[in-house]
Protein backbone atom coordinates (compact mmCIF):
# COMPACT_ATOMS: atom_id res chain seq x y z
CA UNK A 1 3.50 23.98 -1.98
CA UNK A 2 7.69 22.80 -1.65
CA UNK A 3 9.18 19.46 -3.11
CA UNK A 4 10.19 18.89 0.16
CA UNK A 5 7.02 18.61 1.92
CA UNK A 6 5.60 16.39 -0.95
CA UNK A 7 8.43 14.04 0.37
CA UNK A 8 7.92 14.63 3.87
CA UNK A 9 4.34 13.38 3.35
CA UNK A 10 5.94 10.55 1.47
CA UNK A 11 8.18 9.47 3.70
CA UNK A 12 5.74 9.61 6.90
CA UNK A 13 2.96 7.23 4.69
CA UNK A 14 5.99 4.25 4.49
CA UNK A 15 7.43 4.19 7.63
CA UNK A 16 3.46 4.37 9.86
CA UNK A 17 2.49 1.67 6.96
CA UNK A 18 6.27 -0.08 7.42
CA UNK A 19 5.45 0.55 11.20
CA UNK A 20 1.29 -0.74 10.99
CA UNK A 21 3.46 -4.16 8.43
CA UNK A 22 5.53 -5.10 11.11
CA UNK A 23 3.81 -4.38 13.97
CA UNK A 24 0.71 -6.03 13.56
CA UNK A 25 -0.94 -10.09 12.94
CA UNK A 26 -3.74 -9.62 12.21
CA UNK A 27 -4.13 -9.96 8.33
CA UNK A 28 -6.19 -7.03 7.43
CA UNK A 29 -4.08 -5.08 9.63
CA UNK A 30 -1.29 -6.37 7.34
CA UNK A 31 -1.92 -5.13 4.22
CA UNK A 32 -3.36 -1.22 5.04
CA UNK A 33 0.28 -1.09 6.01
CA UNK A 34 1.39 -2.84 2.56
CA UNK A 35 -1.12 0.04 1.58
CA UNK A 36 0.09 3.18 3.44
CA UNK A 37 3.86 1.63 2.10
CA UNK A 38 2.32 1.72 -0.80
CA UNK A 39 0.37 5.56 -1.10
CA UNK A 40 3.79 6.74 0.56
CA UNK A 41 5.22 6.05 -2.40
CA UNK A 42 2.52 6.81 -5.46
CA UNK A 43 2.76 9.77 -3.59
CA UNK A 44 6.34 10.45 -4.28
CA UNK A 45 6.58 9.45 -7.56
CA UNK A 46 3.40 12.23 -8.20
CA UNK A 47 5.19 14.61 -6.08
CA UNK A 48 8.42 14.48 -8.70
CA UNK A 49 6.43 14.06 -11.88
CA UNK A 50 4.92 17.23 -10.90
CA UNK A 51 7.58 18.95 -10.08
CA UNK A 52 9.98 17.98 -12.18
CA UNK A 53 7.65 17.06 -15.96
CA UNK A 54 4.81 18.52 -15.42
CA UNK A 55 4.52 18.49 -18.98
CA UNK A 56 4.03 15.34 -20.00
CA UNK A 57 1.27 13.01 -19.55
CA UNK A 58 2.60 9.73 -18.29
CA UNK A 59 3.32 10.72 -14.38
CA UNK A 60 -0.38 11.12 -14.39
CA UNK A 61 0.04 7.87 -16.02
CA UNK A 62 2.05 5.68 -13.56
CA UNK A 63 -0.11 8.07 -11.16
CA UNK A 64 -2.81 5.84 -12.31
CA UNK A 65 -2.08 2.62 -13.21
CA UNK A 66 -0.21 3.00 -9.21
CA UNK A 67 -3.51 3.77 -8.19
CA UNK A 68 -5.73 0.71 -10.05
CA UNK A 69 -3.26 -1.93 -8.68
CA UNK A 70 -2.96 -1.02 -4.75
CA UNK A 71 -6.74 -0.88 -5.84
CA UNK A 72 -6.93 -4.10 -7.35
CA UNK A 73 -3.90 -5.62 -4.68
CA UNK A 74 -6.93 -5.49 -1.75
CA UNK A 75 -9.40 -6.87 -3.73
CA UNK A 76 -7.29 -9.64 -4.00
CA UNK A 77 -5.58 -9.87 -0.62
CA UNK A 78 -9.50 -9.35 1.25
CA UNK A 79 -10.66 -12.00 -0.87
CA UNK A 80 -7.81 -13.65 0.76
CA UNK A 81 -8.48 -12.78 4.02
CA UNK A 82 -12.41 -13.59 4.52
CA UNK A 83 -12.14 -17.18 2.45
CA UNK A 84 -8.89 -17.72 5.53
CA UNK A 85 -11.16 -16.52 7.75
CA UNK A 86 -14.56 -17.63 6.70
CA UNK A 87 -12.50 -21.47 6.53
CA UNK A 88 -11.06 -22.05 10.07
CA UNK A 89 -12.08 -18.89 11.73
CA UNK A 90 -8.32 -17.70 11.68
CA UNK A 91 -7.31 -14.33 11.17
CA UNK A 92 -3.66 -13.48 12.46
CA UNK A 93 -0.30 -14.99 10.35
CA UNK A 94 0.69 -17.03 11.62
CA UNK A 95 -2.21 -19.06 12.34
CA UNK A 96 -2.52 -18.84 8.84
CA UNK A 97 0.06 -21.73 7.13
CA UNK A 98 -2.30 -21.85 4.23
CA UNK A 99 -0.42 -18.65 3.41
CA UNK A 100 3.27 -20.45 3.68
CA UNK A 101 4.55 -21.27 0.16
């Protein structure tokens, strides 16, 4: 495989995630869109690491750290969404007034 194919995959994942995050009103779907965007960024970073500096291990550390951050972010996001849904029976971003700063 070549670098351009990985970058095309990363751009596709990011674009689909951006569309999903901007077009959906459900909090869960917005979070899934954000996860797709982060996944696209991770694929792009991993592709650059693999093709530009495969001998160094620092690229693997960055990818693993990004995946751990994604997992933690999703766990916290789903916990907040579940708490809001249980308290108010709301799962839409427009109706969840608690999210305002």
